């Protein structure tokens, strides 16, 4: 190929940059569910969630902060064996529509973990954090048989899936205090 043929086939620089820009725009993934849209508002308002759910990381952070706030026994719930809203210092760290509740169990006491509420999205997450004592999480089948047993770890947050059929059991000699954050 001669120089005159190569120059005749060459695309002018101004046209090449416009062509490259169009190609890069065509290759760039813009659209529904693409990684580009992660963390940003959707360009499709009819697909936007009316009630955004909290991420597991945000739920775990709120549970950790609530457990730290409840480290003083004077803030522990007085009623035993029932989930109740956590005191204000513990709820202060939860942002948005997260719900923070606390439970105090006597030795050998147990309480059911509430299932998803009516009208709430099934994808809503729940995390547990042990404030004091020792507790185990028991999963049961619909007919009441025990399916799984797991210790609620001390100093760590336990993430739960959706659904009911779970019980918390105090397996230690002292009171157990547990924080639950759902969103």
N, C-alpha and C. Protein backbone atom coordinates (compact mmCIF):
# COMPACT_ATOMS: atom_id res chain seq x y z
N UNK A 1 0.85 -1.16 0.00
CA UNK A 1 0.00 0.00 0.00
C UNK A 1 0.90 1.23 0.00
N UNK A 2 0.60 2.17 -0.86
CA UNK A 2 1.43 3.38 -0.96
C UNK A 2 0.94 4.42 0.04
N UNK A 3 1.77 5.45 0.22
CA UNK A 3 1.42 6.52 1.15
C UNK A 3 0.18 7.27 0.71
N UNK A 4 -0.02 7.42 -0.59
CA UNK A 4 -1.19 8.14 -1.06
C UNK A 4 -2.47 7.35 -0.78
N UNK A 5 -2.41 6.01 -0.89
CA UNK A 5 -3.58 5.19 -0.60
C UNK A 5 -3.88 5.20 0.90
N UNK A 6 -2.83 5.13 1.72
CA UNK A 6 -3.01 5.13 3.17
C UNK A 6 -3.60 6.45 3.63
N UNK A 7 -3.14 7.56 3.03
CA UNK A 7 -3.69 8.84 3.43
C UNK A 7 -5.12 9.03 2.95
N UNK A 8 -5.47 8.40 1.84
CA UNK A 8 -6.84 8.50 1.33
C UNK A 8 -7.79 7.69 2.20
N UNK A 9 -7.30 6.59 2.78
CA UNK A 9 -8.14 5.76 3.64
C UNK A 9 -8.17 6.25 5.08
N UNK A 10 -7.25 7.07 5.45
CA UNK A 10 -7.18 7.55 6.82
C UNK A 10 -8.36 8.44 7.15
N UNK A 11 -8.87 8.29 8.34
CA UNK A 11 -9.99 9.10 8.81
C UNK A 11 -9.42 10.37 9.42
N UNK A 12 -9.95 11.51 9.08
CA UNK A 12 -9.45 12.75 9.67
C UNK A 12 -9.54 12.69 11.20
N UNK A 13 -8.63 13.39 11.86
CA UNK A 13 -8.52 13.35 13.32
C UNK A 13 -9.80 13.80 14.02
N UNK A 14 -10.43 14.86 13.51
CA UNK A 14 -11.65 15.36 14.15
C UNK A 14 -12.78 14.34 14.04
N UNK A 15 -12.88 13.64 12.91
CA UNK A 15 -13.90 12.62 12.74
C UNK A 15 -13.60 11.41 13.59
N UNK A 16 -12.33 11.04 13.73
CA UNK A 16 -11.95 9.88 14.51
C UNK A 16 -12.32 10.06 15.98
N UNK A 17 -12.08 11.21 16.53
CA UNK A 17 -12.40 11.41 17.94
C UNK A 17 -13.91 11.35 18.16
N UNK A 18 -14.69 11.87 17.22
CA UNK A 18 -16.15 11.79 17.36
C UNK A 18 -16.60 10.34 17.24
N UNK A 19 -15.97 9.58 16.33
CA UNK A 19 -16.31 8.17 16.18
C UNK A 19 -15.96 7.39 17.44
N UNK A 20 -14.77 7.66 17.97
CA UNK A 20 -14.35 6.98 19.19
C UNK A 20 -15.28 7.30 20.35
N UNK A 21 -15.72 8.57 20.41
CA UNK A 21 -16.65 8.95 21.49
C UNK A 21 -17.95 8.18 21.36
N UNK A 22 -18.46 8.05 20.13
CA UNK A 22 -19.71 7.32 19.93
C UNK A 22 -19.54 5.85 20.31
N UNK A 23 -18.41 5.26 19.94
CA UNK A 23 -18.16 3.86 20.29
C UNK A 23 -18.07 3.68 21.80
N UNK A 24 -17.37 4.60 22.46
CA UNK A 24 -17.23 4.47 23.91
C UNK A 24 -18.58 4.64 24.59
N UNK A 25 -19.45 5.51 24.02
CA UNK A 25 -20.80 5.65 24.57
C UNK A 25 -21.61 4.40 24.33
N UNK A 26 -21.41 3.78 23.17
CA UNK A 26 -22.16 2.56 22.86
C UNK A 26 -21.71 1.41 23.72
N UNK A 27 -20.44 1.38 24.11
CA UNK A 27 -19.92 0.28 24.91
C UNK A 27 -20.23 0.49 26.39
N UNK A 28 -20.34 1.73 26.83
CA UNK A 28 -20.58 2.03 28.24
C UNK A 28 -21.96 1.51 28.62
N UNK A 29 -22.04 0.72 29.67
CA UNK A 29 -23.35 0.16 30.06
C UNK A 29 -24.18 1.19 30.83
N UNK A 30 -25.21 1.70 30.20
CA UNK A 30 -26.18 2.58 30.86
C UNK A 30 -27.52 1.88 30.77
N UNK A 31 -28.18 1.72 31.88
CA UNK A 31 -29.48 1.11 31.80
C UNK A 31 -29.91 0.48 33.11
N UNK A 32 -30.93 -0.30 33.03
CA UNK A 32 -31.55 -0.89 34.20
C UNK A 32 -30.63 -1.97 34.77
N UNK A 33 -30.31 -1.85 36.04
CA UNK A 33 -29.57 -2.88 36.73
C UNK A 33 -28.09 -2.92 36.42
N UNK A 34 -27.57 -1.99 35.66
CA UNK A 34 -26.15 -2.00 35.35
C UNK A 34 -25.35 -1.52 36.54
N UNK A 35 -24.10 -1.88 36.56
CA UNK A 35 -23.21 -1.49 37.64
C UNK A 35 -23.08 0.03 37.69
N UNK A 36 -23.21 0.67 36.56
CA UNK A 36 -23.09 2.13 36.50
C UNK A 36 -24.14 2.79 37.37
N UNK A 37 -25.33 2.21 37.48
CA UNK A 37 -26.41 2.81 38.26
C UNK A 37 -26.33 2.49 39.75
N UNK A 38 -25.42 1.66 40.16
CA UNK A 38 -25.34 1.28 41.56
C UNK A 38 -25.04 2.51 42.41
N UNK A 39 -25.85 2.74 43.39
CA UNK A 39 -25.66 3.85 44.30
C UNK A 39 -26.19 5.18 43.82
N UNK A 40 -26.72 5.23 42.61
CA UNK A 40 -27.29 6.46 42.08
C UNK A 40 -28.78 6.27 41.84
N UNK A 41 -29.49 7.37 41.77
CA UNK A 41 -30.91 7.29 41.45
C UNK A 41 -31.10 6.79 40.04
N UNK A 42 -32.14 6.03 39.86
CA UNK A 42 -32.43 5.46 38.55
C UNK A 42 -32.95 6.53 37.61
N UNK A 43 -32.62 6.38 36.35
CA UNK A 43 -33.14 7.30 35.34
C UNK A 43 -34.57 6.92 34.97
N UNK A 44 -35.07 5.84 35.53
CA UNK A 44 -36.40 5.34 35.25
C UNK A 44 -37.26 5.50 36.51
N UNK A 45 -37.98 6.61 36.67
CA UNK A 45 -38.70 6.86 37.92
C UNK A 45 -39.76 5.82 38.23
N UNK A 46 -40.34 5.19 37.22
CA UNK A 46 -41.38 4.20 37.50
C UNK A 46 -40.80 2.91 38.10
N UNK A 47 -39.48 2.74 38.02
CA UNK A 47 -38.84 1.57 38.61
C UNK A 47 -38.20 1.87 39.97
N UNK A 48 -38.22 3.12 40.38
CA UNK A 48 -37.60 3.50 41.64
C UNK A 48 -38.39 2.89 42.80
N UNK A 49 -37.65 2.44 43.80
CA UNK A 49 -38.27 1.85 44.97
C UNK A 49 -38.96 2.93 45.79
N UNK A 50 -40.18 2.65 46.21
CA UNK A 50 -40.89 3.63 47.03
C UNK A 50 -40.36 3.64 48.47
N UNK A 51 -39.78 2.53 48.89
CA UNK A 51 -39.24 2.43 50.23
C UNK A 51 -37.89 1.71 50.16
N UNK A 52 -36.81 2.47 50.10
CA UNK A 52 -35.51 1.82 50.00
C UNK A 52 -35.18 1.04 51.27
N UNK A 53 -34.58 -0.12 51.10
CA UNK A 53 -34.21 -0.93 52.26
C UNK A 53 -32.76 -0.65 52.63
N UNK A 54 -32.46 -0.84 53.88
CA UNK A 54 -31.10 -0.62 54.37
C UNK A 54 -30.21 -1.78 53.94
N UNK A 55 -28.95 -1.49 53.73
CA UNK A 55 -28.00 -2.52 53.36
C UNK A 55 -27.59 -3.31 54.61
N UNK A 56 -27.11 -4.53 54.45
CA UNK A 56 -26.65 -5.29 55.62
C UNK A 56 -25.55 -4.57 56.39
N UNK A 57 -24.69 -3.85 55.70
CA UNK A 57 -23.63 -3.12 56.39
C UNK A 57 -24.18 -2.01 57.27
N UNK A 58 -25.18 -1.30 56.78
CA UNK A 58 -25.79 -0.23 57.59
C UNK A 58 -26.54 -0.81 58.77
N UNK A 59 -27.21 -1.94 58.56
CA UNK A 59 -27.90 -2.59 59.68
C UNK A 59 -26.90 -3.05 60.74
N UNK A 60 -25.79 -3.63 60.31
CA UNK A 60 -24.77 -4.10 61.25
C UNK A 60 -24.13 -2.94 62.01
N UNK A 61 -23.89 -1.83 61.33
CA UNK A 61 -23.32 -0.66 61.99
C UNK A 61 -24.28 -0.10 63.02
N UNK A 62 -25.56 -0.03 62.68
CA UNK A 62 -26.56 0.46 63.63
C UNK A 62 -26.68 -0.47 64.83
N UNK A 63 -26.60 -1.78 64.59
CA UNK A 63 -26.68 -2.75 65.70
C UNK A 63 -25.47 -2.63 66.61
N UNK A 64 -24.31 -2.44 66.04
CA UNK A 64 -23.09 -2.28 66.85
C UNK A 64 -23.16 -1.02 67.71
N UNK A 65 -23.61 0.08 67.12
CA UNK A 65 -23.73 1.33 67.87
C UNK A 65 -24.81 1.23 68.95
N UNK A 66 -25.91 0.55 68.65
CA UNK A 66 -26.98 0.38 69.64
C UNK A 66 -26.51 -0.49 70.80
N UNK A 67 -25.75 -1.54 70.49
CA UNK A 67 -25.23 -2.41 71.55
C UNK A 67 -24.24 -1.65 72.43
N UNK A 68 -23.43 -0.80 71.82
CA UNK A 68 -22.49 0.00 72.61
C UNK A 68 -23.25 0.97 73.52
N UNK A 69 -24.34 1.54 73.01
CA UNK A 69 -25.14 2.46 73.82
C UNK A 69 -25.83 1.73 74.97
N UNK A 70 -26.18 0.47 74.75
CA UNK A 70 -26.86 -0.32 75.80
C UNK A 70 -25.88 -1.04 76.71
N UNK A 71 -24.62 -0.71 76.67
CA UNK A 71 -23.65 -1.39 77.53
C UNK A 71 -23.88 -1.07 79.00
N UNK A 72 -24.56 0.03 79.29
CA UNK A 72 -24.90 0.37 80.69
C UNK A 72 -26.17 -0.36 81.09
N UNK A 73 -26.14 -1.15 82.14
CA UNK A 73 -27.34 -1.89 82.57
C UNK A 73 -28.54 -1.00 82.91
N UNK A 74 -28.32 0.26 83.21
CA UNK A 74 -29.44 1.14 83.53
C UNK A 74 -30.34 1.38 82.31
N UNK A 75 -29.83 1.15 81.10
CA UNK A 75 -30.62 1.35 79.89
C UNK A 75 -31.29 0.07 79.40
N UNK A 76 -31.03 -1.06 80.02
CA UNK A 76 -31.61 -2.32 79.58
C UNK A 76 -33.14 -2.30 79.75
N UNK A 77 -33.85 -2.96 78.88
CA UNK A 77 -35.32 -3.02 79.00
C UNK A 77 -35.74 -3.66 80.33
N UNK A 78 -36.76 -3.08 80.96
CA UNK A 78 -37.23 -3.58 82.25
C UNK A 78 -38.12 -4.82 82.10
N UNK A 79 -38.97 -4.82 81.08
CA UNK A 79 -39.85 -5.97 80.86
C UNK A 79 -39.03 -7.11 80.26
N UNK A 80 -39.18 -8.26 80.79
CA UNK A 80 -38.39 -9.41 80.36
C UNK A 80 -39.18 -10.29 79.41
N UNK A 81 -38.49 -10.84 78.42
CA UNK A 81 -39.11 -11.81 77.53
C UNK A 81 -39.92 -11.22 76.40
N UNK A 82 -39.91 -9.91 76.22
CA UNK A 82 -40.68 -9.26 75.14
C UNK A 82 -39.81 -8.27 74.40
N UNK A 83 -39.95 -8.27 73.08
CA UNK A 83 -39.26 -7.27 72.28
C UNK A 83 -39.94 -5.94 72.51
N UNK A 84 -39.16 -4.90 72.69
CA UNK A 84 -39.69 -3.56 72.87
C UNK A 84 -38.74 -2.56 72.23
N UNK A 85 -39.25 -1.39 71.87
CA UNK A 85 -38.36 -0.40 71.27
C UNK A 85 -37.17 -0.10 72.19
N UNK A 86 -36.01 -0.01 71.60
CA UNK A 86 -34.81 0.29 72.38
C UNK A 86 -34.87 1.71 72.91
N UNK A 87 -34.17 2.01 73.98
CA UNK A 87 -34.15 3.38 74.49
C UNK A 87 -33.57 4.35 73.45
N UNK A 88 -33.88 5.59 73.60
CA UNK A 88 -33.48 6.62 72.64
C UNK A 88 -31.97 6.64 72.36
N UNK A 89 -31.09 6.50 73.35
CA UNK A 89 -29.65 6.50 73.02
C UNK A 89 -29.26 5.38 72.05
N UNK A 90 -29.97 4.28 72.09
CA UNK A 90 -29.67 3.17 71.18
C UNK A 90 -30.28 3.40 69.80
N UNK A 91 -31.44 4.02 69.75
CA UNK A 91 -32.10 4.28 68.46
C UNK A 91 -31.48 5.43 67.70
N UNK A 92 -30.75 6.27 68.38
CA UNK A 92 -30.17 7.47 67.78
C UNK A 92 -29.24 7.14 66.61
N UNK A 93 -28.62 5.98 66.62
CA UNK A 93 -27.64 5.63 65.60
C UNK A 93 -28.26 4.99 64.36
N UNK A 94 -29.55 4.72 64.40
CA UNK A 94 -30.23 4.12 63.25
C UNK A 94 -30.81 5.22 62.38
N UNK A 95 -30.46 5.21 61.10
CA UNK A 95 -30.94 6.24 60.18
C UNK A 95 -32.03 5.66 59.29
N UNK A 96 -32.86 6.55 58.78
CA UNK A 96 -33.90 6.11 57.85
C UNK A 96 -35.01 5.34 58.54
N UNK A 97 -35.45 4.27 57.91
CA UNK A 97 -36.58 3.50 58.41
C UNK A 97 -36.17 2.28 59.22
N UNK A 98 -34.96 2.28 59.74
CA UNK A 98 -34.51 1.16 60.57
C UNK A 98 -35.23 1.17 61.90
N UNK A 99 -35.58 -0.01 62.35
CA UNK A 99 -36.22 -0.16 63.66
C UNK A 99 -35.25 -0.86 64.59
N UNK A 100 -35.06 -0.29 65.77
CA UNK A 100 -34.16 -0.86 66.76
C UNK A 100 -35.00 -1.30 67.95
N UNK A 101 -34.89 -2.58 68.29
CA UNK A 101 -35.61 -3.10 69.45
C UNK A 101 -34.65 -3.90 70.30
N UNK A 102 -35.02 -4.07 71.55
CA UNK A 102 -34.17 -4.77 72.51
C UNK A 102 -34.99 -5.80 73.27
N UNK A 103 -34.28 -6.79 73.78
CA UNK A 103 -34.91 -7.89 74.50
C UNK A 103 -34.02 -8.27 75.67
N UNK A 104 -34.62 -8.44 76.83
CA UNK A 104 -33.91 -8.95 78.00
C UNK A 104 -34.51 -10.30 78.35
N UNK A 105 -33.66 -11.31 78.49
CA UNK A 105 -34.11 -12.66 78.82
C UNK A 105 -33.50 -13.10 80.14
N UNK A 106 -34.34 -13.65 81.01
CA UNK A 106 -33.85 -14.26 82.25
C UNK A 106 -33.13 -15.56 81.91
N UNK A 107 -32.34 -16.10 82.84
CA UNK A 107 -31.70 -17.40 82.59
C UNK A 107 -32.76 -18.45 82.24
N UNK A 108 -32.50 -19.25 81.23
CA UNK A 108 -33.39 -20.28 80.69
C UNK A 108 -34.65 -19.69 80.05
N UNK A 109 -34.69 -18.40 79.84
CA UNK A 109 -35.83 -17.76 79.19
C UNK A 109 -35.70 -17.83 77.68
N UNK A 110 -36.82 -17.65 77.00
CA UNK A 110 -36.81 -17.66 75.54
C UNK A 110 -37.88 -16.72 75.02
N UNK A 111 -37.68 -16.28 73.76
CA UNK A 111 -38.64 -15.38 73.10
C UNK A 111 -38.55 -15.62 71.60
N UNK A 112 -39.69 -15.43 70.94
CA UNK A 112 -39.74 -15.60 69.49
C UNK A 112 -39.21 -14.35 68.80
N UNK A 113 -38.52 -14.56 67.69
CA UNK A 113 -38.12 -13.44 66.84
C UNK A 113 -39.28 -13.14 65.92
N UNK A 114 -39.74 -11.91 65.85
CA UNK A 114 -40.87 -11.59 64.97
C UNK A 114 -40.51 -11.82 63.51
N UNK A 115 -41.49 -12.29 62.75
CA UNK A 115 -41.31 -12.45 61.31
C UNK A 115 -41.51 -11.12 60.63
N UNK A 116 -41.46 -11.11 59.30
CA UNK A 116 -41.68 -9.85 58.58
C UNK A 116 -43.09 -9.33 58.81
N UNK A 117 -43.20 -8.01 58.92
CA UNK A 117 -44.50 -7.39 59.17
C UNK A 117 -45.34 -7.39 57.90
N UNK A 118 -46.64 -7.27 58.08
CA UNK A 118 -47.55 -7.18 56.95
C UNK A 118 -47.23 -5.92 56.15
N UNK A 119 -47.16 -6.06 54.84
CA UNK A 119 -46.92 -4.91 53.98
C UNK A 119 -45.47 -4.51 53.84
N UNK A 120 -44.58 -5.13 54.62
CA UNK A 120 -43.17 -4.78 54.48
C UNK A 120 -42.55 -5.63 53.39
N UNK A 121 -41.54 -5.10 52.73
CA UNK A 121 -40.91 -5.88 51.67
C UNK A 121 -40.25 -7.12 52.25
N UNK A 122 -40.35 -8.22 51.55
CA UNK A 122 -39.79 -9.49 52.01
C UNK A 122 -38.27 -9.43 52.09
N UNK A 123 -37.66 -8.52 51.33
CA UNK A 123 -36.21 -8.43 51.30
C UNK A 123 -35.65 -7.67 52.49
N UNK A 124 -36.52 -7.15 53.36
CA UNK A 124 -36.03 -6.40 54.51
C UNK A 124 -35.16 -7.31 55.37
N UNK A 125 -34.04 -6.78 55.80
CA UNK A 125 -33.10 -7.57 56.57
C UNK A 125 -33.24 -7.35 58.06
N UNK A 126 -32.68 -8.28 58.81
CA UNK A 126 -32.67 -8.19 60.26
C UNK A 126 -31.31 -8.66 60.75
N UNK A 127 -30.76 -7.95 61.73
CA UNK A 127 -29.51 -8.36 62.35
C UNK A 127 -29.68 -8.39 63.86
N UNK A 128 -28.91 -9.25 64.50
CA UNK A 128 -28.92 -9.36 65.97
C UNK A 128 -27.52 -9.07 66.50
N UNK A 129 -27.48 -8.48 67.67
CA UNK A 129 -26.19 -8.24 68.34
C UNK A 129 -26.41 -8.46 69.82
N UNK A 130 -25.56 -9.28 70.40
CA UNK A 130 -25.63 -9.59 71.83
C UNK A 130 -24.97 -8.48 72.62
N UNK A 131 -25.69 -7.92 73.59
CA UNK A 131 -25.16 -6.85 74.42
C UNK A 131 -24.51 -7.44 75.66
N UNK A 132 -25.19 -8.39 76.29
CA UNK A 132 -24.68 -9.02 77.51
C UNK A 132 -25.24 -10.43 77.62
N UNK A 133 -24.54 -11.29 78.33
CA UNK A 133 -25.02 -12.64 78.56
C UNK A 133 -24.61 -13.60 77.46
N UNK A 134 -25.40 -14.67 77.37
CA UNK A 134 -25.14 -15.72 76.38
C UNK A 134 -26.49 -16.19 75.84
N UNK A 135 -26.59 -16.32 74.52
CA UNK A 135 -27.86 -16.72 73.91
C UNK A 135 -27.61 -17.56 72.67
N UNK A 136 -28.60 -18.38 72.36
CA UNK A 136 -28.58 -19.19 71.15
C UNK A 136 -29.83 -18.88 70.33
N UNK A 137 -29.68 -19.00 69.02
CA UNK A 137 -30.78 -18.81 68.09
C UNK A 137 -31.22 -20.19 67.61
N UNK A 138 -32.50 -20.48 67.78
CA UNK A 138 -33.05 -21.78 67.38
C UNK A 138 -34.01 -21.55 66.22
N UNK A 139 -33.81 -22.28 65.13
CA UNK A 139 -34.72 -22.22 63.98
C UNK A 139 -35.62 -23.44 64.02
N UNK A 140 -36.92 -23.21 63.83
CA UNK A 140 -37.87 -24.32 63.85
C UNK A 140 -38.62 -24.38 62.54
N UNK A 141 -39.10 -25.56 62.23
CA UNK A 141 -39.92 -25.74 61.03
C UNK A 141 -41.36 -25.38 61.38
N UNK A 142 -42.24 -25.28 60.37
CA UNK A 142 -43.64 -24.93 60.66
C UNK A 142 -44.34 -25.92 61.60
N UNK A 143 -43.89 -27.18 61.62
CA UNK A 143 -44.52 -28.14 62.53
C UNK A 143 -43.90 -28.13 63.92
N UNK A 144 -42.93 -27.24 64.18
CA UNK A 144 -42.37 -27.08 65.51
C UNK A 144 -41.07 -27.83 65.75
N UNK A 145 -40.59 -28.57 64.80
CA UNK A 145 -39.34 -29.31 64.97
C UNK A 145 -38.14 -28.38 64.84
N UNK A 146 -37.12 -28.66 65.63
CA UNK A 146 -35.92 -27.85 65.59
C UNK A 146 -35.11 -28.20 64.34
N UNK A 147 -34.76 -27.17 63.56
CA UNK A 147 -33.97 -27.38 62.35
C UNK A 147 -32.51 -27.02 62.56
N UNK A 148 -32.24 -25.95 63.30
CA UNK A 148 -30.86 -25.49 63.48
C UNK A 148 -30.71 -24.77 64.81
N UNK A 149 -29.50 -24.83 65.33
CA UNK A 149 -29.16 -24.16 66.58
C UNK A 149 -27.85 -23.43 66.36
N UNK A 150 -27.81 -22.15 66.71
CA UNK A 150 -26.60 -21.37 66.51
C UNK A 150 -26.42 -20.40 67.66
N UNK A 151 -25.20 -20.29 68.12
CA UNK A 151 -24.91 -19.35 69.19
C UNK A 151 -24.85 -17.94 68.63
N UNK A 152 -25.43 -16.99 69.34
CA UNK A 152 -25.32 -15.58 68.95
C UNK A 152 -23.93 -15.14 69.41
N UNK A 153 -23.06 -14.79 68.47
CA UNK A 153 -21.67 -14.51 68.84
C UNK A 153 -21.52 -13.23 69.65
N UNK A 154 -20.59 -13.25 70.57
CA UNK A 154 -20.30 -12.08 71.40
C UNK A 154 -19.41 -11.14 70.58
N UNK A 155 -19.79 -9.86 70.52
CA UNK A 155 -18.98 -8.87 69.82
C UNK A 155 -19.10 -8.91 68.30
N UNK A 156 -20.02 -9.71 67.78
CA UNK A 156 -20.22 -9.78 66.33
C UNK A 156 -21.71 -9.66 66.04
N UNK A 157 -22.02 -9.27 64.83
CA UNK A 157 -23.41 -9.10 64.42
C UNK A 157 -23.82 -10.30 63.59
N UNK A 158 -24.99 -10.83 63.89
CA UNK A 158 -25.53 -11.99 63.19
C UNK A 158 -26.63 -11.53 62.25
N UNK A 159 -26.45 -11.73 60.95
CA UNK A 159 -27.44 -11.33 59.95
C UNK A 159 -28.41 -12.48 59.72
N UNK A 160 -29.70 -12.16 59.67
CA UNK A 160 -30.73 -13.16 59.46
C UNK A 160 -31.43 -12.92 58.15
N UNK A 161 -31.93 -13.97 57.55
CA UNK A 161 -32.75 -13.84 56.35
C UNK A 161 -34.18 -13.53 56.76
N UNK A 162 -35.05 -13.47 55.77
CA UNK A 162 -36.45 -13.17 56.07
C UNK A 162 -37.15 -14.43 56.55
N UNK A 163 -38.29 -14.25 57.13
CA UNK A 163 -39.09 -15.38 57.59
C UNK A 163 -39.10 -15.50 59.10
N UNK A 164 -40.06 -16.24 59.59
CA UNK A 164 -40.20 -16.42 61.03
C UNK A 164 -39.68 -17.78 61.45
N UNK A 165 -40.20 -18.30 62.55
CA UNK A 165 -39.80 -19.61 63.03
C UNK A 165 -38.46 -19.61 63.74
N UNK A 166 -38.09 -18.50 64.38
CA UNK A 166 -36.82 -18.43 65.11
C UNK A 166 -37.10 -18.03 66.56
N UNK A 167 -36.31 -18.61 67.44
CA UNK A 167 -36.43 -18.34 68.87
C UNK A 167 -35.06 -18.01 69.43
N UNK A 168 -35.02 -17.07 70.37
CA UNK A 168 -33.81 -16.77 71.11
C UNK A 168 -33.93 -17.42 72.48
N UNK A 169 -32.89 -18.12 72.89
CA UNK A 169 -32.89 -18.82 74.18
C UNK A 169 -31.68 -18.36 74.97
N UNK A 170 -31.90 -17.94 76.22
CA UNK A 170 -30.80 -17.57 77.10
C UNK A 170 -30.19 -18.85 77.64
N UNK A 171 -28.95 -19.12 77.30
CA UNK A 171 -28.28 -20.35 77.73
C UNK A 171 -27.21 -20.09 78.77
N UNK A 172 -27.17 -18.90 79.31
CA UNK A 172 -26.18 -18.56 80.32
C UNK A 172 -26.79 -18.41 81.70
N UNK A 173 -25.95 -18.24 82.72
CA UNK A 173 -26.45 -18.10 84.09
C UNK A 173 -26.93 -16.69 84.42
N UNK A 174 -26.65 -15.70 83.56
CA UNK A 174 -27.03 -14.31 83.81
C UNK A 174 -28.07 -13.86 82.79
N UNK A 175 -28.55 -12.64 82.99
CA UNK A 175 -29.48 -12.06 82.01
C UNK A 175 -28.79 -11.93 80.66
N UNK A 176 -29.57 -12.11 79.62
CA UNK A 176 -29.08 -11.89 78.26
C UNK A 176 -29.83 -10.71 77.67
N UNK A 177 -29.10 -9.80 77.06
CA UNK A 177 -29.70 -8.63 76.41
C UNK A 177 -29.27 -8.66 74.96
N UNK A 178 -30.26 -8.57 74.06
CA UNK A 178 -30.01 -8.66 72.62
C UNK A 178 -30.65 -7.45 71.94
N UNK A 179 -29.96 -6.91 70.94
CA UNK A 179 -30.47 -5.81 70.13
C UNK A 179 -30.81 -6.39 68.75
N UNK A 180 -31.96 -5.98 68.24
CA UNK A 180 -32.39 -6.37 66.89
C UNK A 180 -32.62 -5.11 66.08
N UNK A 181 -32.00 -5.06 64.90
CA UNK A 181 -32.18 -3.92 63.99
C UNK A 181 -32.72 -4.49 62.69
N UNK A 182 -33.84 -3.93 62.25
CA UNK A 182 -34.44 -4.38 60.99
C UNK A 182 -34.71 -3.15 60.12
N UNK A 183 -34.70 -3.38 58.84
CA UNK A 183 -34.91 -2.24 57.96
C UNK A 183 -35.35 -2.65 56.59
